[in-house]
């Protein structure tokens, strides 16, 4: 298990780094939360806080995207082939 608590500031509100990671080497199952960087969606810069769940069936990615003010957010689920399964 790995845990990192990044210091968030006005200037560094979306650092690209892993926050939490846990894995089972016996089964290759794992769970990861990381800041994946800033994406521009509908003209708004949004931070991608990404969760990844992996097991023998592949990987599923759950993204929580939010802007610096907290006024805008999106939720997205992506399968292991990169296809968006849900976008709210």
Protein backbone atom coordinates (compact mmCIF):
# COMPACT_ATOMS: atom_id res chain seq x y z
CA UNK A 1 0.00 0.00 0.00
CA UNK A 2 1.20 3.49 -0.84
CA UNK A 3 -0.28 6.78 0.36
CA UNK A 4 0.76 10.31 -0.55
CA UNK A 5 -0.90 13.51 0.62
CA UNK A 6 0.09 16.20 -1.89
CA UNK A 7 0.03 19.83 -0.81
CA UNK A 8 -2.62 21.55 -2.87
CA UNK A 9 -2.24 25.28 -3.43
CA UNK A 10 -3.93 27.85 -5.65
CA UNK A 11 -1.08 27.47 -8.13
CA UNK A 12 -0.72 23.68 -7.79
CA UNK A 13 -4.39 22.70 -7.51
CA UNK A 14 -4.04 19.61 -9.72
CA UNK A 15 -0.64 17.93 -9.22
CA UNK A 16 0.07 14.92 -11.44
CA UNK A 17 0.85 12.22 -8.90
CA UNK A 18 -0.43 9.09 -7.21
CA UNK A 19 -2.33 9.62 -3.96
CA UNK A 20 -3.22 6.05 -2.98
CA UNK A 21 -2.31 2.63 -4.33
CA UNK A 22 -2.97 -0.87 -3.06
CA UNK A 23 -2.36 -4.18 -4.81
CA UNK A 24 -2.37 -7.89 -4.15
CA UNK A 25 0.67 -9.52 -5.81
CA UNK A 26 -0.95 -12.96 -5.54
CA UNK A 27 -3.99 -12.01 -7.65
CA UNK A 28 -2.75 -8.95 -9.61
CA UNK A 29 -5.78 -7.03 -8.32
CA UNK A 30 -5.26 -3.40 -7.52
CA UNK A 31 -6.80 -0.04 -6.79
CA UNK A 32 -5.19 3.31 -7.55
CA UNK A 33 -6.20 6.94 -7.06
CA UNK A 34 -4.16 9.58 -8.82
CA UNK A 35 -4.27 13.11 -10.11
CA UNK A 36 -4.06 12.54 -13.86
CA UNK A 37 -3.62 16.20 -14.84
CA UNK A 38 -5.75 18.95 -16.29
CA UNK A 39 -8.14 18.39 -19.20
CA UNK A 40 -10.10 21.04 -21.05
CA UNK A 41 -13.80 20.08 -21.27
CA UNK A 42 -16.33 22.46 -22.83
CA UNK A 43 -13.67 25.19 -22.64
CA UNK A 44 -13.15 24.75 -18.89
CA UNK A 45 -9.87 23.52 -17.40
CA UNK A 46 -10.71 20.56 -15.17
CA UNK A 47 -8.53 18.43 -12.90
CA UNK A 48 -8.88 14.68 -13.42
CA UNK A 49 -8.86 12.74 -10.16
CA UNK A 50 -8.69 9.20 -11.51
CA UNK A 51 -9.47 5.89 -9.81
CA UNK A 52 -8.37 2.67 -11.48
CA UNK A 53 -9.59 -0.78 -10.52
CA UNK A 54 -7.73 -3.72 -12.06
CA UNK A 55 -8.21 -7.46 -11.88
CA UNK A 56 -8.03 -10.53 -14.15
CA UNK A 57 -10.87 -9.09 -16.27
CA UNK A 58 -9.04 -5.86 -17.12
CA UNK A 59 -9.05 -2.30 -15.85
CA UNK A 60 -11.88 0.13 -15.25
CA UNK A 61 -11.17 3.82 -14.81
CA UNK A 62 -13.46 6.17 -12.93
CA UNK A 63 -12.67 9.87 -13.38
CA UNK A 64 -13.92 12.71 -11.23
CA UNK A 65 -13.22 15.97 -13.06
CA UNK A 66 -13.56 19.36 -11.38
CA UNK A 67 -12.53 22.96 -12.02
CA UNK A 68 -10.39 25.06 -9.68
CA UNK A 69 -13.38 26.95 -8.27
CA UNK A 70 -15.41 23.80 -7.58
CA UNK A 71 -18.33 25.19 -9.58
CA UNK A 72 -18.09 22.60 -12.36
CA UNK A 73 -17.59 18.86 -12.21
CA UNK A 74 -17.99 15.79 -14.40
CA UNK A 75 -17.98 12.05 -13.76
CA UNK A 76 -16.69 9.59 -16.36
CA UNK A 77 -16.23 5.80 -16.51
CA UNK A 78 -13.76 4.38 -19.05
CA UNK A 79 -13.23 0.68 -19.86
CA UNK A 80 -9.85 -1.02 -20.36
CA UNK A 81 -9.95 -0.27 -24.10
CA UNK A 82 -10.33 3.48 -23.53
CA UNK A 83 -14.03 3.60 -24.41
CA UNK A 84 -16.15 6.00 -22.36
CA UNK A 85 -18.96 4.00 -20.80
CA UNK A 86 -20.65 6.87 -18.92
CA UNK A 87 -20.20 10.64 -18.83
CA UNK A 88 -22.25 12.83 -16.50
